[in-house]
Amino acid sequence: MEAMASGLPCVVSLIRGNVDLIDDPQCLVKPNDSDGFADAIRKAMNDVAWRTSVGLRNRQEIKGFSLDHVRKEMQKIYRDTLG
């Protein structure tokens, strides 16, 4: 989350938690796929346009997990549930 908020591209394992935050298939790699990780990291290092695009998208996507946003969502849930 911190890397996303910093506008960095993220290469992550295709596991619960990560898939809730990252939706770019080029950034998600099966946990035991060392070649896949190497390829994704190489892409992040060498493709400036892709790296910039993913970084900007990460910055936008992570805003949905900000404290203010989560607080508002929780208030709505409780308001709707408790009437």
PDB file of N, CA and C in Angstrom:
ATOM      1  N   MET A   1       0.822  -1.190   0.000  1.00  0.00           N
ATOM      2  CA  MET A   1       0.000   0.000   0.000  1.00  0.00           C
ATOM      3  C   MET A   1       0.867   1.254   0.000  1.00  0.00           C
ATOM      4  N   GLU A   2       1.958   1.215   0.772  1.00  0.00           N
ATOM      5  CA  GLU A   2       2.846   2.374   0.830  1.00  0.00           C
ATOM      6  C   GLU A   2       3.517   2.622  -0.520  1.00  0.00           C
ATOM      7  N   ALA A   3       3.914   1.555  -1.190  1.00  0.00           N
ATOM      8  CA  ALA A   3       4.533   1.699  -2.515  1.00  0.00           C
ATOM      9  C   ALA A   3       3.529   2.268  -3.505  1.00  0.00           C
ATOM     10  N   MET A   4       2.292   1.788  -3.440  1.00  0.00           N
ATOM     11  CA  MET A   4       1.257   2.311  -4.326  1.00  0.00           C
ATOM     12  C   MET A   4       1.028   3.796  -4.067  1.00  0.00           C
ATOM     13  N   ALA A   5       0.935   4.173  -2.789  1.00  0.00           N
ATOM     14  CA  ALA A   5       0.704   5.573  -2.436  1.00  0.00           C
ATOM     15  C   ALA A   5       1.859   6.458  -2.876  1.00  0.00           C
ATOM     16  N   SER A   6       3.044   5.868  -2.991  1.00  0.00           N
ATOM     17  CA  SER A   6       4.219   6.618  -3.449  1.00  0.00           C
ATOM     18  C   SER A   6       4.287   6.698  -4.967  1.00  0.00           C
ATOM     19  N   GLY A   7       3.347   6.041  -5.645  1.00  0.00           N
ATOM     20  CA  GLY A   7       3.319   6.090  -7.103  1.00  0.00           C
ATOM     21  C   GLY A   7       4.284   5.119  -7.757  1.00  0.00           C
ATOM     22  N   LEU A   8       4.621   4.061  -7.054  1.00  0.00           N
ATOM     23  CA  LEU A   8       5.527   3.066  -7.620  1.00  0.00           C
ATOM     24  C   LEU A   8       4.745   1.929  -8.264  1.00  0.00           C
ATOM     25  N   PRO A   9       5.296   1.322  -9.316  1.00  0.00           N
ATOM     26  CA  PRO A   9       4.678   0.109  -9.841  1.00  0.00           C
ATOM     27  C   PRO A   9       4.982  -1.019  -8.858  1.00  0.00           C
ATOM     28  N   CYS A  10       4.101  -1.980  -8.756  1.00  0.00           N
ATOM     29  CA  CYS A  10       4.290  -3.085  -7.819  1.00  0.00           C
ATOM     30  C   CYS A  10       4.235  -4.406  -8.571  1.00  0.00           C
ATOM     31  N   VAL A  11       5.232  -5.237  -8.333  1.00  0.00           N
ATOM     32  CA  VAL A  11       5.230  -6.604  -8.833  1.00  0.00           C
ATOM     33  C   VAL A  11       5.011  -7.467  -7.602  1.00  0.00           C
ATOM     34  N   VAL A  12       3.878  -8.182  -7.578  1.00  0.00           N
ATOM     35  CA  VAL A  12       3.481  -8.890  -6.360  1.00  0.00           C
ATOM     36  C   VAL A  12       3.024 -10.310  -6.666  1.00  0.00           C
ATOM     37  N   SER A  13       3.029 -11.130  -5.620  1.00  0.00           N
ATOM     38  CA  SER A  13       2.520 -12.500  -5.735  1.00  0.00           C
ATOM     39  C   SER A  13       1.013 -12.477  -5.925  1.00  0.00           C
ATOM     40  N   LEU A  14       0.542 -13.403  -6.689  1.00  0.00           N
ATOM     41  CA  LEU A  14      -0.883 -13.568  -6.964  1.00  0.00           C
ATOM     42  C   LEU A  14      -1.518 -14.304  -5.774  1.00  0.00           C
ATOM     43  N   ILE A  15      -1.710 -13.559  -4.685  1.00  0.00           N
ATOM     44  CA  ILE A  15      -2.277 -14.121  -3.461  1.00  0.00           C
ATOM     45  C   ILE A  15      -3.309 -13.154  -2.893  1.00  0.00           C
ATOM     46  N   ARG A  16      -4.113 -13.682  -1.969  1.00  0.00           N
ATOM     47  CA  ARG A  16      -5.128 -12.868  -1.300  1.00  0.00           C
ATOM     48  C   ARG A  16      -4.461 -11.641  -0.686  1.00  0.00           C
ATOM     49  N   GLY A  17      -5.113 -10.550  -0.711  1.00  0.00           N
ATOM     50  CA  GLY A  17      -4.558  -9.291  -0.213  1.00  0.00           C
ATOM     51  C   GLY A  17      -3.981  -8.501  -1.365  1.00  0.00           C
ATOM     52  N   ASN A  18      -3.006  -9.080  -2.043  1.00  0.00           N
ATOM     53  CA  ASN A  18      -2.416  -8.400  -3.199  1.00  0.00           C
ATOM     54  C   ASN A  18      -3.442  -8.219  -4.304  1.00  0.00           C
ATOM     55  N   VAL A  19      -4.242  -9.245  -4.548  1.00  0.00           N
ATOM     56  CA  VAL A  19      -5.234  -9.154  -5.633  1.00  0.00           C
ATOM     57  C   VAL A  19      -6.361  -8.183  -5.283  1.00  0.00           C
ATOM     58  N   ASP A  20      -6.498  -7.841  -4.003  1.00  0.00           N
ATOM     59  CA  ASP A  20      -7.481  -6.830  -3.605  1.00  0.00           C
ATOM     60  C   ASP A  20      -6.996  -5.429  -3.945  1.00  0.00           C
ATOM     61  N   LEU A  21      -5.689  -5.272  -4.063  1.00  0.00           N
ATOM     62  CA  LEU A  21      -5.100  -3.963  -4.317  1.00  0.00           C
ATOM     63  C   LEU A  21      -4.648  -3.780  -5.762  1.00  0.00           C
ATOM     64  N   ILE A  22      -4.093  -4.807  -6.338  1.00  0.00           N
ATOM     65  CA  ILE A  22      -3.490  -4.736  -7.677  1.00  0.00           C
ATOM     66  C   ILE A  22      -4.383  -5.477  -8.661  1.00  0.00           C
ATOM     67  N   ASP A  23      -4.726  -4.827  -9.766  1.00  0.00           N
ATOM     68  CA  ASP A  23      -5.567  -5.511 -10.754  1.00  0.00           C
ATOM     69  C   ASP A  23      -4.894  -5.657 -12.109  1.00  0.00           C
ATOM     70  N   ASP A  24      -3.674  -5.195 -12.248  1.00  0.00           N
ATOM     71  CA  ASP A  24      -2.952  -5.313 -13.516  1.00  0.00           C
ATOM     72  C   ASP A  24      -2.319  -6.700 -13.605  1.00  0.00           C
ATOM     73  N   PRO A  25      -2.752  -7.533 -14.560  1.00  0.00           N
ATOM     74  CA  PRO A  25      -2.207  -8.900 -14.652  1.00  0.00           C
ATOM     75  C   PRO A  25      -0.700  -8.928 -14.879  1.00  0.00           C
ATOM     76  N   GLN A  26      -0.131  -7.860 -15.434  1.00  0.00           N
ATOM     77  CA  GLN A  26       1.316  -7.821 -15.643  1.00  0.00           C
ATOM     78  C   GLN A  26       2.072  -7.638 -14.329  1.00  0.00           C
ATOM     79  N   CYS A  27       1.361  -7.219 -13.290  1.00  0.00           N
ATOM     80  CA  CYS A  27       1.983  -6.978 -11.990  1.00  0.00           C
ATOM     81  C   CYS A  27       1.780  -8.145 -11.034  1.00  0.00           C
ATOM     82  N   LEU A  28       0.899  -9.063 -11.373  1.00  0.00           N
ATOM     83  CA  LEU A  28       0.573 -10.212 -10.516  1.00  0.00           C
ATOM     84  C   LEU A  28       1.258 -11.457 -11.056  1.00  0.00           C
ATOM     85  N   VAL A  29       2.032 -12.108 -10.208  1.00  0.00           N
ATOM     86  CA  VAL A  29       2.803 -13.271 -10.623  1.00  0.00           C
ATOM     87  C   VAL A  29       2.516 -14.431  -9.669  1.00  0.00           C
ATOM     88  N   LYS A  30       2.343 -15.627 -10.211  1.00  0.00           N
ATOM     89  CA  LYS A  30       2.139 -16.801  -9.361  1.00  0.00           C
ATOM     90  C   LYS A  30       3.314 -16.927  -8.393  1.00  0.00           C
ATOM     91  N   PRO A  31       3.041 -17.284  -7.159  1.00  0.00           N
ATOM     92  CA  PRO A  31       4.075 -17.281  -6.113  1.00  0.00           C
ATOM     93  C   PRO A  31       5.357 -18.049  -6.448  1.00  0.00           C
ATOM     94  N   ASN A  32       5.277 -19.148  -7.141  1.00  0.00           N
ATOM     95  CA  ASN A  32       6.477 -19.952  -7.428  1.00  0.00           C
ATOM     96  C   ASN A  32       7.062 -19.696  -8.815  1.00  0.00           C
ATOM     97  N   ASP A  33       6.611 -18.669  -9.484  1.00  0.00           N
ATOM     98  CA  ASP A  33       7.045 -18.389 -10.861  1.00  0.00           C
ATOM     99  C   ASP A  33       8.216 -17.404 -10.864  1.00  0.00           C
ATOM    100  N   SER A  34       9.412 -17.917 -10.612  1.00  0.00           N
ATOM    101  CA  SER A  34      10.585 -17.034 -10.540  1.00  0.00           C
ATOM    102  C   SER A  34      10.872 -16.355 -11.877  1.00  0.00           C
ATOM    103  N   ASP A  35      10.632 -17.057 -12.981  1.00  0.00           N
ATOM    104  CA  ASP A  35      10.829 -16.436 -14.303  1.00  0.00           C
ATOM    105  C   ASP A  35       9.820 -15.307 -14.514  1.00  0.00           C
ATOM    106  N   GLY A  36       8.587 -15.527 -14.073  1.00  0.00           N
ATOM    107  CA  GLY A  36       7.563 -14.496 -14.185  1.00  0.00           C
ATOM    108  C   GLY A  36       7.918 -13.256 -13.380  1.00  0.00           C
ATOM    109  N   PHE A  37       8.435 -13.477 -12.172  1.00  0.00           N
ATOM    110  CA  PHE A  37       8.875 -12.342 -11.359  1.00  0.00           C
ATOM    111  C   PHE A  37      10.016 -11.601 -12.043  1.00  0.00           C
ATOM    112  N   ALA A  38      10.979 -12.336 -12.556  1.00  0.00           N
ATOM    113  CA  ALA A  38      12.124 -11.717 -13.235  1.00  0.00           C
ATOM    114  C   ALA A  38      11.652 -10.896 -14.433  1.00  0.00           C
ATOM    115  N   ASP A  39      10.740 -11.450 -15.222  1.00  0.00           N
ATOM    116  CA  ASP A  39      10.222 -10.732 -16.392  1.00  0.00           C
ATOM    117  C   ASP A  39       9.482  -9.462 -15.978  1.00  0.00           C
ATOM    118  N   ALA A  40       8.645  -9.568 -14.960  1.00  0.00           N
ATOM    119  CA  ALA A  40       7.873  -8.403 -14.509  1.00  0.00           C
ATOM    120  C   ALA A  40       8.787  -7.327 -13.943  1.00  0.00           C
ATOM    121  N   ILE A  41       9.797  -7.720 -13.204  1.00  0.00           N
ATOM    122  CA  ILE A  41      10.744  -6.745 -12.644  1.00  0.00           C
ATOM    123  C   ILE A  41      11.550  -6.094 -13.763  1.00  0.00           C
ATOM    124  N   ARG A  42      11.957  -6.896 -14.748  1.00  0.00           N
ATOM    125  CA  ARG A  42      12.678  -6.334 -15.905  1.00  0.00           C
ATOM    126  C   ARG A  42      11.813  -5.296 -16.617  1.00  0.00           C
ATOM    127  N   LYS A  43      10.538  -5.616 -16.801  1.00  0.00           N
ATOM    128  CA  LYS A  43       9.617  -4.679 -17.461  1.00  0.00           C
ATOM    129  C   LYS A  43       9.538  -3.390 -16.651  1.00  0.00           C
ATOM    130  N   ALA A  44       9.393  -3.517 -15.344  1.00  0.00           N
ATOM    131  CA  ALA A  44       9.305  -2.330 -14.485  1.00  0.00           C
ATOM    132  C   ALA A  44      10.582  -1.493 -14.558  1.00  0.00           C
ATOM    133  N   MET A  45      11.703  -2.142 -14.690  1.00  0.00           N
ATOM    134  CA  MET A  45      12.974  -1.419 -14.759  1.00  0.00           C
ATOM    135  C   MET A  45      13.192  -0.757 -16.116  1.00  0.00           C
ATOM    136  N   ASN A  46      12.781  -1.409 -17.188  1.00  0.00           N
ATOM    137  CA  ASN A  46      13.161  -0.974 -18.528  1.00  0.00           C
ATOM    138  C   ASN A  46      12.097  -0.212 -19.303  1.00  0.00           C
ATOM    139  N   ASP A  47      10.844  -0.332 -18.936  1.00  0.00           N
ATOM    140  CA  ASP A  47       9.769   0.305 -19.695  1.00  0.00           C
ATOM    141  C   ASP A  47       9.263   1.527 -18.922  1.00  0.00           C
ATOM    142  N   VAL A  48       9.856   2.668 -19.197  1.00  0.00           N
ATOM    143  CA  VAL A  48       9.550   3.890 -18.447  1.00  0.00           C
ATOM    144  C   VAL A  48       8.080   4.281 -18.586  1.00  0.00           C
ATOM    145  N   ALA A  49       7.531   4.182 -19.781  1.00  0.00           N
ATOM    146  CA  ALA A  49       6.128   4.563 -19.988  1.00  0.00           C
ATOM    147  C   ALA A  49       5.199   3.665 -19.173  1.00  0.00           C
ATOM    148  N   TRP A  50       5.449   2.356 -19.192  1.00  0.00           N
ATOM    149  CA  TRP A  50       4.634   1.429 -18.418  1.00  0.00           C
ATOM    150  C   TRP A  50       4.777   1.708 -16.925  1.00  0.00           C
ATOM    151  N   ARG A  51       6.013   1.868 -16.480  1.00  0.00           N
ATOM    152  CA  ARG A  51       6.282   2.131 -15.066  1.00  0.00           C
ATOM    153  C   ARG A  51       5.559   3.385 -14.596  1.00  0.00           C
ATOM    154  N   THR A  52       5.599   4.429 -15.397  1.00  0.00           N
ATOM    155  CA  THR A  52       4.939   5.687 -15.051  1.00  0.00           C
ATOM    156  C   THR A  52       3.423   5.509 -15.026  1.00  0.00           C
ATOM    157  N   SER A  53       2.890   4.852 -16.031  1.00  0.00           N
ATOM    158  CA  SER A  53       1.452   4.624 -16.120  1.00  0.00           C
ATOM    159  C   SER A  53       0.941   3.811 -14.931  1.00  0.00           C
ATOM    160  N   VAL A  54       1.616   2.728 -14.610  1.00  0.00           N
ATOM    161  CA  VAL A  54       1.206   1.880 -13.491  1.00  0.00           C
ATOM    162  C   VAL A  54       1.353   2.633 -12.175  1.00  0.00           C
ATOM    163  N   GLY A  55       2.416   3.393 -12.040  1.00  0.00           N
ATOM    164  CA  GLY A  55       2.623   4.175 -10.820  1.00  0.00           C
ATOM    165  C   GLY A  55       1.517   5.193 -10.592  1.00  0.00           C
ATOM    166  N   LEU A  56       1.121   5.877 -11.648  1.00  0.00           N
ATOM    167  CA  LEU A  56       0.033   6.855 -11.526  1.00  0.00           C
ATOM    168  C   LEU A  56      -1.293   6.171 -11.203  1.00  0.00           C
ATOM    169  N   ARG A  57      -1.535   5.043 -11.855  1.00  0.00           N
ATOM    170  CA  ARG A  57      -2.766   4.298 -11.579  1.00  0.00           C
ATOM    171  C   ARG A  57      -2.781   3.794 -10.128  1.00  0.00           C
ATOM    172  N   ASN A  58      -1.641   3.329  -9.638  1.00  0.00           N
ATOM    173  CA  ASN A  58      -1.553   2.871  -8.245  1.00  0.00           C
ATOM    174  C   ASN A  58      -1.894   3.995  -7.277  1.00  0.00           C
ATOM    175  N   ARG A  59      -1.374   5.175  -7.565  1.00  0.00           N
ATOM    176  CA  ARG A  59      -1.650   6.324  -6.697  1.00  0.00           C
ATOM    177  C   ARG A  59      -3.146   6.614  -6.613  1.00  0.00           C
ATOM    178  N   GLN A  60      -3.836   6.485  -7.738  1.00  0.00           N
ATOM    179  CA  GLN A  60      -5.284   6.717  -7.761  1.00  0.00           C
ATOM    180  C   GLN A  60      -6.033   5.598  -7.050  1.00  0.00           C
ATOM    181  N   GLU A  61      -5.665   4.351  -7.347  1.00  0.00           N
ATOM    182  CA  GLU A  61      -6.366   3.190  -6.795  1.00  0.00           C
ATOM    183  C   GLU A  61      -6.279   3.142  -5.268  1.00  0.00           C
ATOM    184  N   ILE A  62      -5.149   3.505  -4.709  1.00  0.00           N
ATOM    185  CA  ILE A  62      -4.954   3.368  -3.262  1.00  0.00           C
ATOM    186  C   ILE A  62      -5.791   4.382  -2.483  1.00  0.00           C
ATOM    187  N   LYS A  63      -6.242   5.431  -3.147  1.00  0.00           N
ATOM    188  CA  LYS A  63      -7.079   6.419  -2.464  1.00  0.00           C
ATOM    189  C   LYS A  63      -8.350   5.791  -1.913  1.00  0.00           C
ATOM    190  N   GLY A  64      -8.813   4.717  -2.528  1.00  0.00           N
ATOM    191  CA  GLY A  64      -9.993   4.017  -2.043  1.00  0.00           C
ATOM    192  C   GLY A  64      -9.774   3.323  -0.707  1.00  0.00           C
ATOM    193  N   PHE A  65      -8.526   3.257  -0.263  1.00  0.00           N
ATOM    194  CA  PHE A  65      -8.191   2.624   1.006  1.00  0.00           C
ATOM    195  C   PHE A  65      -7.717   3.645   2.041  1.00  0.00           C
ATOM    196  N   SER A  66      -7.913   4.929   1.754  1.00  0.00           N
ATOM    197  CA  SER A  66      -7.480   5.965   2.698  1.00  0.00           C
ATOM    198  C   SER A  66      -8.357   5.919   3.943  1.00  0.00           C
ATOM    199  N   LEU A  67      -7.842   6.446   5.033  1.00  0.00           N
ATOM    200  CA  LEU A  67      -8.581   6.451   6.291  1.00  0.00           C
ATOM    201  C   LEU A  67      -9.912   7.183   6.144  1.00  0.00           C
ATOM    202  N   ASP A  68      -9.894   8.331   5.487  1.00  0.00           N
ATOM    203  CA  ASP A  68     -11.132   9.092   5.300  1.00  0.00           C
ATOM    204  C   ASP A  68     -12.167   8.285   4.519  1.00  0.00           C
ATOM    205  N   HIS A  69     -11.726   7.660   3.450  1.00  0.00           N
ATOM    206  CA  HIS A  69     -12.645   6.875   2.616  1.00  0.00           C
ATOM    207  C   HIS A  69     -13.207   5.686   3.400  1.00  0.00           C
ATOM    208  N   VAL A  70     -12.348   4.958   4.084  1.00  0.00           N
ATOM    209  CA  VAL A  70     -12.783   3.787   4.848  1.00  0.00           C
ATOM    210  C   VAL A  70     -13.723   4.209   5.973  1.00  0.00           C
ATOM    211  N   ARG A  71     -13.418   5.307   6.636  1.00  0.00           N
ATOM    212  CA  ARG A  71     -14.282   5.803   7.715  1.00  0.00           C
ATOM    213  C   ARG A  71     -15.685   6.106   7.182  1.00  0.00           C
ATOM    214  N   LYS A  72     -15.767   6.778   6.040  1.00  0.00           N
ATOM    215  CA  LYS A  72     -17.068   7.091   5.446  1.00  0.00           C
ATOM    216  C   LYS A  72     -17.829   5.825   5.069  1.00  0.00           C
ATOM    217  N   GLU A  73     -17.130   4.854   4.510  1.00  0.00           N
ATOM    218  CA  GLU A  73     -17.766   3.594   4.143  1.00  0.00           C
ATOM    219  C   GLU A  73     -18.290   2.855   5.370  1.00  0.00           C
ATOM    220  N   MET A  74     -17.495   2.842   6.441  1.00  0.00           N
ATOM    221  CA  MET A  74     -17.930   2.160   7.664  1.00  0.00           C
ATOM    222  C   MET A  74     -19.135   2.876   8.286  1.00  0.00           C
ATOM    223  N   GLN A  75     -19.131   4.196   8.276  1.00  0.00           N
ATOM    224  CA  GLN A  75     -20.270   4.942   8.801  1.00  0.00           C
ATOM    225  C   GLN A  75     -21.534   4.619   8.008  1.00  0.00           C
ATOM    226  N   LYS A  76     -21.396   4.527   6.704  1.00  0.00           N
ATOM    227  CA  LYS A  76     -22.538   4.192   5.845  1.00  0.00           C
ATOM    228  C   LYS A  76     -23.055   2.786   6.165  1.00  0.00           C
ATOM    229  N   ILE A  77     -22.151   1.848   6.340  1.00  0.00           N
ATOM    230  CA  ILE A  77     -22.549   0.477   6.657  1.00  0.00           C
ATOM    231  C   ILE A  77     -23.322   0.441   7.961  1.00  0.00           C
ATOM    232  N   TYR A  78     -22.785   1.101   8.997  1.00  0.00           N
ATOM    233  CA  TYR A  78     -23.468   1.094  10.298  1.00  0.00           C
ATOM    234  C   TYR A  78     -24.795   1.844  10.239  1.00  0.00           C
ATOM    235  N   ARG A  79     -24.827   2.944   9.514  1.00  0.00           N
ATOM    236  CA  ARG A  79     -26.058   3.723   9.390  1.00  0.00           C
ATOM    237  C   ARG A  79     -27.133   2.887   8.696  1.00  0.00           C
ATOM    238  N   ASP A  80     -26.758   2.200   7.619  1.00  0.00           N
ATOM    239  CA  ASP A  80     -27.710   1.378   6.882  1.00  0.00           C
ATOM    240  C   ASP A  80     -28.146   0.154   7.692  1.00  0.00           C
ATOM    241  N   THR A  81     -27.242  -0.407   8.470  1.00  0.00           N
ATOM    242  CA  THR A  81     -27.541  -1.595   9.253  1.00  0.00           C
ATOM    243  C   THR A  81     -28.392  -1.287  10.476  1.00  0.00           C
ATOM    244  N   LEU A  82     -28.030  -0.205  11.166  1.00  0.00           N
ATOM    245  CA  LEU A  82     -28.719   0.108  12.411  1.00  0.00           C
ATOM    246  C   LEU A  82     -29.931   1.001  12.204  1.00  0.00           C
ATOM    247  N   GLY A  83     -30.043   1.534  11.014  1.00  0.00           N
ATOM    248  CA  GLY A  83     -31.226   2.339  10.687  1.00  0.00           C
ATOM    249  C   GLY A  83     -31.135   3.685  11.249  1.00  0.00           C
TER     250      GLY A  83
END
